[in-house]
Amino acid sequence: DYPEVPVGWHELFNAMCKELLEYTKANGLPEVKIIEAKEKYGELRIYVGEEFSDENTDAIIRKWCEKSKSVCCFCGTANARTTKSGQIIPVCKSCWDKKLRRNPDAYVGETVGTEVVYLTQE
């Protein structure tokens, strides 16, 4: 129940939680308590209490947060590109065209678009 995590990242977030749970169970550690999970600057951000943080849990979290940078935050498609102005978010070509209603020709390079991104309601 983390409403700040975009829908496209739910599978990624759940996979991270599963890996954290497997790690803690396998090592007899208390389950990691996530204090906050959200999108910030185009990537997943996870905050846990210090008592739940160690070298391995931090590495697991970093791995999944890094992965989020290339996953469309709307639909979960891999190999998304990041907008470079306005709200910084990873977005796939389909969502670029349909959800953001942007010029399809501007979807080039590793970062896309030059105008402010305004999300549309469905």
C-alpha atoms as a PDB file:
ATOM      1  CA  ASP A   1       0.000   0.000   0.000  1.00  0.00           C
ATOM      2  CA  TYR A   2       2.325   2.702  -1.267  1.00  0.00           C
ATOM      3  CA  PRO A   3       0.252   5.136  -3.355  1.00  0.00           C
ATOM      4  CA  GLU A   4       3.327   7.203  -4.228  1.00  0.00           C
ATOM      5  CA  VAL A   5       4.778   4.281  -6.242  1.00  0.00           C
ATOM      6  CA  PRO A   6       3.669   4.649  -9.875  1.00  0.00           C
ATOM      7  CA  VAL A   7       1.503   1.830 -11.255  1.00  0.00           C
ATOM      8  CA  GLY A   8       4.155   0.845 -13.796  1.00  0.00           C
ATOM      9  CA  TRP A   9       6.584   0.117 -10.988  1.00  0.00           C
ATOM     10  CA  HIS A  10       4.297  -2.071  -8.862  1.00  0.00           C
ATOM     11  CA  GLU A  11       5.796  -5.343 -10.182  1.00  0.00           C
ATOM     12  CA  LEU A  12       9.309  -3.994  -9.726  1.00  0.00           C
ATOM     13  CA  PHE A  13       8.474  -2.822  -6.181  1.00  0.00           C
ATOM     14  CA  ASN A  14       6.913  -6.179  -5.299  1.00  0.00           C
ATOM     15  CA  ALA A  15       9.956  -8.030  -6.672  1.00  0.00           C
ATOM     16  CA  MET A  16      12.224  -5.879  -4.503  1.00  0.00           C
ATOM     17  CA  CYS A  17      10.072  -6.569  -1.424  1.00  0.00           C
ATOM     18  CA  LYS A  18      10.167 -10.300  -2.171  1.00  0.00           C
ATOM     19  CA  GLU A  19      13.954 -10.258  -2.474  1.00  0.00           C
ATOM     20  CA  LEU A  20      14.285  -8.314   0.786  1.00  0.00           C
ATOM     21  CA  LEU A  21      11.977 -10.765   2.553  1.00  0.00           C
ATOM     22  CA  GLU A  22      13.903 -13.778   1.232  1.00  0.00           C
ATOM     23  CA  TYR A  23      17.188 -12.219   2.365  1.00  0.00           C
ATOM     24  CA  THR A  24      15.956 -11.435   5.884  1.00  0.00           C
ATOM     25  CA  LYS A  25      14.333 -14.856   6.350  1.00  0.00           C
ATOM     26  CA  ALA A  26      17.413 -16.697   5.085  1.00  0.00           C
ATOM     27  CA  ASN A  27      19.620 -14.782   7.515  1.00  0.00           C
ATOM     28  CA  GLY A  28      17.321 -14.765  10.547  1.00  0.00           C
ATOM     29  CA  LEU A  29      16.921 -10.986  10.430  1.00  0.00           C
ATOM     30  CA  PRO A  30      13.819  -8.934  11.182  1.00  0.00           C
ATOM     31  CA  GLU A  31      11.745  -8.002   8.134  1.00  0.00           C
ATOM     32  CA  VAL A  32      12.723  -4.683   6.583  1.00  0.00           C
ATOM     33  CA  LYS A  33      10.267  -1.921   7.395  1.00  0.00           C
ATOM     34  CA  ILE A  34       9.820   0.485   4.505  1.00  0.00           C
ATOM     35  CA  ILE A  35       9.105   3.955   5.849  1.00  0.00           C
ATOM     36  CA  GLU A  36       8.514   5.582   2.473  1.00  0.00           C
ATOM     37  CA  ALA A  37       8.410   4.480  -1.164  1.00  0.00           C
ATOM     38  CA  LYS A  38       7.881   6.919  -4.020  1.00  0.00           C
ATOM     39  CA  GLU A  39       9.010   8.259  -7.376  1.00  0.00           C
ATOM     40  CA  LYS A  40      11.534  11.065  -7.199  1.00  0.00           C
ATOM     41  CA  TYR A  41      13.615  12.507 -10.045  1.00  0.00           C
ATOM     42  CA  GLY A  42      12.646   9.663 -12.347  1.00  0.00           C
ATOM     43  CA  GLU A  43      13.502   6.739 -10.114  1.00  0.00           C
ATOM     44  CA  LEU A  44      12.083   4.673  -7.303  1.00  0.00           C
ATOM     45  CA  ARG A  45      13.122   5.945  -3.888  1.00  0.00           C
ATOM     46  CA  ILE A  46      12.923   3.672  -0.860  1.00  0.00           C
ATOM     47  CA  TYR A  47      13.509   4.788   2.704  1.00  0.00           C
ATOM     48  CA  VAL A  48      13.917   2.286   5.540  1.00  0.00           C
ATOM     49  CA  GLY A  49      14.672   2.731   9.215  1.00  0.00           C
ATOM     50  CA  GLU A  50      18.354   2.468  10.174  1.00  0.00           C
ATOM     51  CA  GLU A  51      17.613  -0.590  12.299  1.00  0.00           C
ATOM     52  CA  PHE A  52      16.509  -2.402   9.117  1.00  0.00           C
ATOM     53  CA  SER A  53      19.416  -1.296   6.998  1.00  0.00           C
ATOM     54  CA  ASP A  54      22.617  -3.207   6.417  1.00  0.00           C
ATOM     55  CA  GLU A  55      25.059  -3.529   3.549  1.00  0.00           C
ATOM     56  CA  ASN A  56      23.033  -6.247   1.825  1.00  0.00           C
ATOM     57  CA  THR A  57      19.575  -4.687   2.212  1.00  0.00           C
ATOM     58  CA  ASP A  58      20.985  -1.379   0.949  1.00  0.00           C
ATOM     59  CA  ALA A  59      22.470  -3.167  -2.082  1.00  0.00           C
ATOM     60  CA  ILE A  60      19.144  -4.877  -2.859  1.00  0.00           C
ATOM     61  CA  ILE A  61      17.291  -1.577  -2.635  1.00  0.00           C
ATOM     62  CA  ARG A  62      19.882   0.258  -4.780  1.00  0.00           C
ATOM     63  CA  LYS A  63      19.662  -2.453  -7.444  1.00  0.00           C
ATOM     64  CA  TRP A  64      15.876  -2.114  -7.806  1.00  0.00           C
ATOM     65  CA  CYS A  65      15.928   1.688  -7.636  1.00  0.00           C
ATOM     66  CA  GLU A  66      18.524   1.754 -10.402  1.00  0.00           C
ATOM     67  CA  LYS A  67      16.414  -0.647 -12.480  1.00  0.00           C
ATOM     68  CA  SER A  68      13.375   1.655 -12.118  1.00  0.00           C
ATOM     69  CA  LYS A  69      15.159   4.355 -14.143  1.00  0.00           C
ATOM     70  CA  SER A  70      14.540   2.377 -17.338  1.00  0.00           C
ATOM     71  CA  VAL A  71      11.051   1.024 -16.581  1.00  0.00           C
ATOM     72  CA  CYS A  72       8.033   3.027 -17.752  1.00  0.00           C
ATOM     73  CA  CYS A  73       6.324   4.402 -14.666  1.00  0.00           C
ATOM     74  CA  PHE A  74       2.927   4.142 -16.388  1.00  0.00           C
ATOM     75  CA  CYS A  75       2.874   0.596 -17.787  1.00  0.00           C
ATOM     76  CA  GLY A  76       6.042  -1.195 -16.608  1.00  0.00           C
ATOM     77  CA  THR A  77       7.612  -1.601 -20.051  1.00  0.00           C
ATOM     78  CA  ALA A  78      11.399  -2.037 -19.907  1.00  0.00           C
ATOM     79  CA  ASN A  79      13.824   0.154 -21.868  1.00  0.00           C
ATOM     80  CA  ALA A  80      11.873   3.346 -21.217  1.00  0.00           C
ATOM     81  CA  ARG A  81      13.539   6.678 -21.835  1.00  0.00           C
ATOM     82  CA  THR A  82      13.621   9.514 -19.333  1.00  0.00           C
ATOM     83  CA  THR A  83      12.060  12.898 -19.949  1.00  0.00           C
ATOM     84  CA  LYS A  84      14.632  15.650 -19.592  1.00  0.00           C
ATOM     85  CA  SER A  85      12.518  18.564 -18.460  1.00  0.00           C
ATOM     86  CA  GLY A  86       9.422  19.169 -16.422  1.00  0.00           C
ATOM     87  CA  GLN A  87       8.554  16.112 -14.354  1.00  0.00           C
ATOM     88  CA  ILE A  88      11.479  13.721 -14.818  1.00  0.00           C
ATOM     89  CA  ILE A  89      10.010  10.271 -15.419  1.00  0.00           C
ATOM     90  CA  PRO A  90      10.908   7.160 -17.403  1.00  0.00           C
ATOM     91  CA  VAL A  91       8.320   6.633 -20.135  1.00  0.00           C
ATOM     92  CA  CYS A  92       7.960   4.137 -22.995  1.00  0.00           C
ATOM     93  CA  LYS A  93       7.118   5.159 -26.571  1.00  0.00           C
ATOM     94  CA  SER A  94       3.490   4.056 -26.277  1.00  0.00           C
ATOM     95  CA  CYS A  95       2.854   6.055 -23.090  1.00  0.00           C
ATOM     96  CA  TRP A  96       4.779   8.997 -24.557  1.00  0.00           C
ATOM     97  CA  ASP A  97       2.293   9.073 -27.421  1.00  0.00           C
ATOM     98  CA  LYS A  98      -0.896   8.123 -25.557  1.00  0.00           C
ATOM     99  CA  LYS A  99      -0.654   9.260 -21.939  1.00  0.00           C
ATOM    100  CA  LEU A 100       1.578  12.296 -22.314  1.00  0.00           C
ATOM    101  CA  ARG A 101       0.296  13.144 -25.800  1.00  0.00           C
ATOM    102  CA  ARG A 102       3.684  14.310 -27.017  1.00  0.00           C
ATOM    103  CA  ASN A 103       5.171  14.594 -30.474  1.00  0.00           C
ATOM    104  CA  PRO A 104       6.173  11.035 -31.497  1.00  0.00           C
ATOM    105  CA  ASP A 105       9.180  12.439 -33.390  1.00  0.00           C
ATOM    106  CA  ALA A 106      10.603  13.858 -30.131  1.00  0.00           C
ATOM    107  CA  TYR A 107      11.010  10.360 -28.664  1.00  0.00           C
ATOM    108  CA  VAL A 108      14.690   9.987 -29.567  1.00  0.00           C
ATOM    109  CA  GLY A 109      17.925   9.498 -27.623  1.00  0.00           C
ATOM    110  CA  GLU A 110      18.268   8.395 -24.018  1.00  0.00           C
ATOM    111  CA  THR A 111      16.320  11.397 -22.779  1.00  0.00           C
ATOM    112  CA  VAL A 112      13.277  12.729 -24.580  1.00  0.00           C
ATOM    113  CA  GLY A 113      11.333  15.934 -25.044  1.00  0.00           C
ATOM    114  CA  THR A 114      12.162  19.513 -24.266  1.00  0.00           C
ATOM    115  CA  GLU A 115       8.851  20.861 -23.039  1.00  0.00           C
ATOM    116  CA  VAL A 116       7.331  20.549 -19.587  1.00  0.00           C
ATOM    117  CA  VAL A 117       5.543  17.232 -19.171  1.00  0.00           C
ATOM    118  CA  TYR A 118       1.954  17.423 -17.980  1.00  0.00           C
ATOM    119  CA  LEU A 119       0.312  14.109 -17.232  1.00  0.00           C
ATOM    120  CA  THR A 120      -3.146  13.568 -18.721  1.00  0.00           C
ATOM    121  CA  GLN A 121      -6.089  11.949 -17.005  1.00  0.00           C
ATOM    122  CA  GLU A 122      -7.645   8.842 -18.512  1.00  0.00           C
END
